[in-house]
Amino acid sequence: MKKTALSLYLLLILLPVTSPAASSADGIPDATLRVTVQQKAEGKIVKGFHVLELSCRDGNCSLSTVSINQCAETAFKKQAFYPKVQYASTLIGNLTVRNEGKSLVVQETGGDRFGNYAYDLRFDYEPLREDKVVVTRLTGFSGSYVKNAPAVNKVFKFEYVPLPKASQVMKLDCGVLLPGIDKK
């Protein structure tokens, strides 16, 4: 499943941009908006970064998330993280997007063996041109995550805090654990 999500993510990056004839009938502009966030729980920033990319074309949207720097001890007795990829789409049905002025309001829902979750995100943007057809400039972001996990009798809640600059170089806390070929 992780390989499929990564393949879909890479495919979306490599797809040519559709011609900006007009925004969709429901007012969602063609957009590619990226932000890196950290989780804040109980007033504290949790180590780890989550790179979010919202991509909308012709009224259909996808949200790709790559989580990094969530360090843990590996089987090799070293601290490392394994990049986690998550994908949601309006076509799949686990993502909804609506345009509110100069904001795309996004909700992703789903579940796993521990319970159901919901991401509520708001991407504020400036149109690239006056016709508001193509959007690539992110001017603000807010978001949260709630997971009801009856299996462990707990509700998890996080607020998402975006990194403050458009681009920045960050040092990570540990190495990355990457998959390869398992030759005998």
Protein backbone atom coordinates (compact mmCIF):
# COMPACT_ATOMS: atom_id res chain seq x y z
CA MET A 1 0.00 0.00 0.00
CA LYS A 2 2.86 2.37 0.85
CA LYS A 3 4.48 1.67 -2.55
CA THR A 4 1.17 2.43 -4.27
CA ALA A 5 0.79 5.72 -2.40
CA LEU A 6 4.37 6.71 -3.23
CA SER A 7 3.85 5.79 -6.90
CA LEU A 8 0.67 7.89 -7.01
CA TYR A 9 2.50 10.80 -5.39
CA LEU A 10 5.34 10.63 -7.91
CA LEU A 11 2.88 10.30 -10.79
CA LEU A 12 1.08 13.46 -9.67
CA ILE A 13 4.34 15.38 -9.56
CA LEU A 14 5.27 14.25 -13.06
CA LEU A 15 1.87 14.87 -14.66
CA PRO A 16 1.88 17.85 -16.99
CA VAL A 17 -0.12 20.82 -15.79
CA THR A 18 -3.51 21.01 -17.45
CA SER A 19 -4.31 24.11 -19.43
CA PRO A 20 -5.84 26.81 -17.25
CA ALA A 21 -9.01 27.35 -19.29
CA ALA A 22 -11.13 28.19 -16.25
CA SER A 23 -11.64 27.20 -12.66
CA SER A 24 -14.02 24.32 -12.04
CA ALA A 25 -17.77 24.74 -11.81
CA ASP A 26 -17.62 24.59 -7.99
CA GLY A 27 -15.05 27.40 -7.86
CA ILE A 28 -11.99 25.33 -7.03
CA PRO A 29 -9.06 26.80 -8.95
CA ASP A 30 -6.26 24.72 -10.44
CA ALA A 31 -3.74 24.74 -7.61
CA THR A 32 -0.51 23.31 -6.31
CA LEU A 33 0.05 24.39 -2.71
CA ARG A 34 2.82 23.00 -0.48
CA VAL A 35 3.55 23.48 3.21
CA THR A 36 5.58 21.75 5.89
CA VAL A 37 3.94 21.44 9.28
CA GLN A 38 4.70 20.10 12.73
CA GLN A 39 2.19 18.64 15.14
CA LYS A 40 1.39 20.44 18.36
CA ALA A 41 -0.14 18.38 21.17
CA GLU A 42 -0.93 19.59 24.68
CA GLY A 43 0.91 22.85 23.95
CA LYS A 44 4.16 21.18 22.83
CA ILE A 45 5.64 20.76 19.34
CA VAL A 46 6.11 17.08 18.48
CA LYS A 47 9.33 16.21 16.67
CA GLY A 48 8.77 15.33 13.06
CA PHE A 49 7.82 17.17 9.90
CA HIS A 50 4.89 16.57 7.56
CA VAL A 51 5.17 17.87 4.00
CA LEU A 52 1.69 18.46 2.58
CA GLU A 53 0.90 19.04 -1.09
CA LEU A 54 -2.61 19.93 -2.19
CA SER A 55 -3.03 19.59 -5.93
CA CYS A 56 -6.27 20.48 -7.75
CA ARG A 57 -6.99 20.16 -11.47
CA ASP A 58 -10.36 20.62 -13.13
CA GLY A 59 -12.17 20.46 -9.78
CA ASN A 60 -10.54 17.20 -8.64
CA CYS A 61 -8.06 17.44 -5.77
CA SER A 62 -5.49 15.22 -4.09
CA LEU A 63 -3.57 15.63 -0.85
CA SER A 64 -0.18 13.95 -0.48
CA THR A 65 1.61 13.85 2.87
CA VAL A 66 5.18 12.73 3.49
CA SER A 67 6.15 12.44 7.17
CA ILE A 68 9.83 12.60 8.10
CA ASN A 69 12.06 12.92 11.17
CA GLN A 70 9.89 10.75 13.42
CA CYS A 71 12.92 9.08 14.98
CA ALA A 72 12.81 5.68 16.64
CA GLU A 73 15.29 2.93 17.37
CA THR A 74 15.70 0.52 14.46
CA ALA A 75 16.61 -3.18 14.39
CA PHE A 76 20.18 -1.96 13.79
CA LYS A 77 20.14 -0.26 17.25
CA LYS A 78 20.35 3.19 15.65
CA GLN A 79 17.92 6.09 15.68
CA ALA A 80 16.30 6.58 12.28
CA PHE A 81 12.98 7.37 10.65
CA TYR A 82 11.16 5.72 7.80
CA PRO A 83 9.41 8.25 5.51
CA LYS A 84 5.65 7.70 5.64
CA VAL A 85 3.52 8.56 2.61
CA GLN A 86 -0.22 9.16 2.77
CA TYR A 87 -2.54 9.97 -0.12
CA ALA A 88 -6.14 11.15 -0.30
CA SER A 89 -8.23 12.23 -3.28
CA THR A 90 -11.66 13.54 -4.16
CA LEU A 91 -11.77 10.80 -6.82
CA ILE A 92 -11.13 8.09 -4.21
CA GLY A 93 -13.71 9.70 -1.95
CA ASN A 94 -11.66 10.24 1.21
CA LEU A 95 -11.08 13.97 0.56
CA THR A 96 -13.42 16.94 0.24
CA VAL A 97 -12.38 20.42 -0.86
CA ARG A 98 -14.33 23.66 -1.06
CA ASN A 99 -13.27 27.17 -2.00
CA GLU A 100 -14.03 29.96 0.49
CA GLY A 101 -12.82 33.19 -1.08
CA LYS A 102 -9.05 32.86 -1.12
CA SER A 103 -8.97 29.68 0.97
CA LEU A 104 -9.27 26.02 0.07
CA VAL A 105 -10.90 24.18 2.97
CA VAL A 106 -9.92 20.51 3.00
CA GLN A 107 -11.14 17.53 4.98
CA GLU A 108 -9.59 14.09 4.79
CA THR A 109 -11.29 11.19 6.56
CA GLY A 110 -10.35 7.59 7.03
CA GLY A 111 -9.72 4.80 9.44
CA ASP A 112 -7.33 2.06 10.41
CA ARG A 113 -7.29 -0.83 12.85
CA PHE A 114 -7.23 1.58 15.81
CA GLY A 115 -10.11 3.86 14.82
CA ASN A 116 -11.36 6.69 12.61
CA TYR A 117 -9.60 9.98 11.94
CA ALA A 118 -10.23 13.35 10.33
CA TYR A 119 -7.86 16.04 9.10
CA ASP A 120 -9.29 19.55 8.79
CA LEU A 121 -7.00 21.87 6.83
CA ARG A 122 -7.20 25.40 5.45
CA PHE A 123 -4.87 26.57 2.68
CA ASP A 124 -4.97 30.36 2.17
CA TYR A 125 -3.73 31.46 -1.25
CA GLU A 126 -3.09 34.33 -3.66
CA PRO A 127 -4.00 33.74 -7.30
CA LEU A 128 -1.09 33.72 -9.71
CA ARG A 129 -2.99 36.07 -12.04
CA GLU A 130 -6.05 38.27 -11.85
CA ASP A 131 -8.24 35.63 -13.53
CA LYS A 132 -7.80 33.43 -10.39
CA VAL A 133 -7.43 30.33 -12.55
CA VAL A 134 -4.02 29.09 -11.35
CA VAL A 135 -2.93 29.12 -7.70
CA THR A 136 0.59 28.38 -6.45
CA ARG A 137 1.26 30.98 -3.70
CA LEU A 138 0.41 29.84 -0.19
CA THR A 139 -0.17 32.80 2.15
CA GLY A 140 -1.49 31.01 5.24
CA PHE A 141 -2.27 27.62 6.68
CA SER A 142 -4.08 26.12 9.65
CA GLY A 143 -5.12 22.60 10.44
CA SER A 144 -5.90 19.89 12.94
CA TYR A 145 -6.11 16.13 13.28
CA VAL A 146 -8.48 14.14 15.49
CA LYS A 147 -8.45 10.38 15.85
CA ASN A 148 -10.92 8.40 17.93
CA ALA A 149 -9.17 5.18 18.89
CA PRO A 150 -11.56 2.99 20.89
CA ALA A 151 -9.09 0.08 20.62
CA VAL A 152 -6.80 1.95 23.04
CA ASN A 153 -9.59 3.99 24.68
CA LYS A 154 -8.10 7.33 23.63
CA VAL A 155 -8.79 10.36 21.45
CA PHE A 156 -5.71 11.85 19.78
CA LYS A 157 -5.75 15.56 18.88
CA PHE A 158 -3.09 17.59 17.12
CA GLU A 159 -2.91 21.12 15.82
CA TYR A 160 -0.72 21.67 12.75
CA VAL A 161 1.83 24.47 12.93
CA PRO A 162 3.36 25.53 9.58
CA LEU A 163 7.01 26.41 9.18
CA PRO A 164 7.25 30.22 9.09
CA LYS A 165 9.16 30.79 5.83
CA ALA A 166 8.39 29.86 2.22
CA SER A 167 11.56 27.72 2.03
CA GLN A 168 14.14 26.76 4.62
CA VAL A 169 16.91 24.27 5.26
CA MET A 170 16.29 22.08 8.29
CA LYS A 171 18.67 19.70 10.08
CA LEU A 172 17.04 16.41 10.94
CA ASP A 173 17.45 14.65 14.28
CA CYS A 174 18.38 11.23 12.90
CA GLY A 175 19.13 9.30 9.74
CA VAL A 176 16.60 7.96 7.29
CA LEU A 177 15.84 4.24 6.91
CA LEU A 178 15.31 3.54 3.20
CA PRO A 179 14.13 0.33 1.54
CA GLY A 180 16.20 -1.49 -1.04
CA ILE A 181 16.67 -4.93 -2.57
CA ASP A 182 16.87 -7.86 -0.13
CA LYS A 183 19.54 -9.99 -1.80
CA LYS A 184 20.56 -13.28 -0.22
